[in-house]
């Protein structure tokens, strides 16, 4: 694989992960669910709606 192919594959994987994360957050937000994540070495629980708003504001 050339470096260009590797970079293209990496970009497609990152885009797919971003899309999957957004779909998961939208589904959880519909059901007013929370998401558990690690932030700064501590386990945190956030509202999916909050994380979805935060994701949208960063784009």
Protein backbone atom coordinates (compact mmCIF):
# COMPACT_ATOMS: atom_id res chain seq x y z
CA UNK A 1 0.00 0.00 0.00
CA UNK A 2 1.28 3.42 -0.86
CA UNK A 3 1.31 6.26 1.65
CA UNK A 4 -1.52 7.95 -0.27
CA UNK A 5 -3.67 4.80 0.00
CA UNK A 6 -2.92 4.54 3.70
CA UNK A 7 -3.90 8.18 4.26
CA UNK A 8 -7.10 7.70 2.25
CA UNK A 9 -8.01 4.61 4.27
CA UNK A 10 -7.28 6.42 7.53
CA UNK A 11 -9.53 9.34 6.50
CA UNK A 12 -12.38 6.99 5.55
CA UNK A 13 -12.09 5.10 8.85
CA UNK A 14 -12.13 8.35 10.86
CA UNK A 15 -15.16 9.62 8.92
CA UNK A 16 -16.98 6.32 9.50
CA UNK A 17 -16.25 6.47 13.24
CA UNK A 18 -17.53 10.05 13.42
CA UNK A 19 -20.72 9.10 11.61
CA UNK A 20 -21.25 6.08 13.88
CA UNK A 21 -20.75 8.22 16.98
CA UNK A 22 -23.28 10.78 15.78
CA UNK A 23 -25.85 8.08 14.93
CA UNK A 24 -25.37 6.50 18.36
CA UNK A 25 -25.82 9.86 20.10
CA UNK A 26 -28.94 10.68 18.07
CA UNK A 27 -30.50 7.32 18.95
CA UNK A 28 -29.65 7.68 22.64
CA UNK A 29 -30.94 11.27 22.68
CA UNK A 30 -34.29 10.09 21.30
CA UNK A 31 -34.64 7.85 24.35
CA UNK A 32 -33.25 10.42 26.78
CA UNK A 33 -30.35 8.07 27.58
CA UNK A 34 -26.91 8.78 28.96
CA UNK A 35 -23.44 7.93 27.71
CA UNK A 36 -20.63 6.77 29.99
CA UNK A 37 -17.15 7.89 28.99
CA UNK A 38 -13.73 8.47 30.46
CA UNK A 39 -12.67 12.10 30.76
CA UNK A 40 -9.38 13.10 32.32
CA UNK A 41 -8.89 9.66 33.84
CA UNK A 42 -12.30 9.75 35.53
CA UNK A 43 -15.45 7.91 34.51
CA UNK A 44 -18.20 10.41 33.66
CA UNK A 45 -21.85 10.05 32.69
CA UNK A 46 -23.28 12.61 30.28
CA UNK A 47 -26.68 13.16 28.74
CA UNK A 48 -26.66 12.06 25.09
CA UNK A 49 -28.48 15.27 24.22
CA UNK A 50 -25.70 17.32 25.81
CA UNK A 51 -22.99 15.42 23.92
CA UNK A 52 -24.91 15.71 20.65
CA UNK A 53 -25.21 19.49 21.08
CA UNK A 54 -21.51 19.66 21.92
CA UNK A 55 -20.63 17.58 18.84
CA UNK A 56 -22.76 19.80 16.59
CA UNK A 57 -21.22 23.00 17.96
CA UNK A 58 -17.71 21.71 17.17
CA UNK A 59 -18.61 21.08 13.50
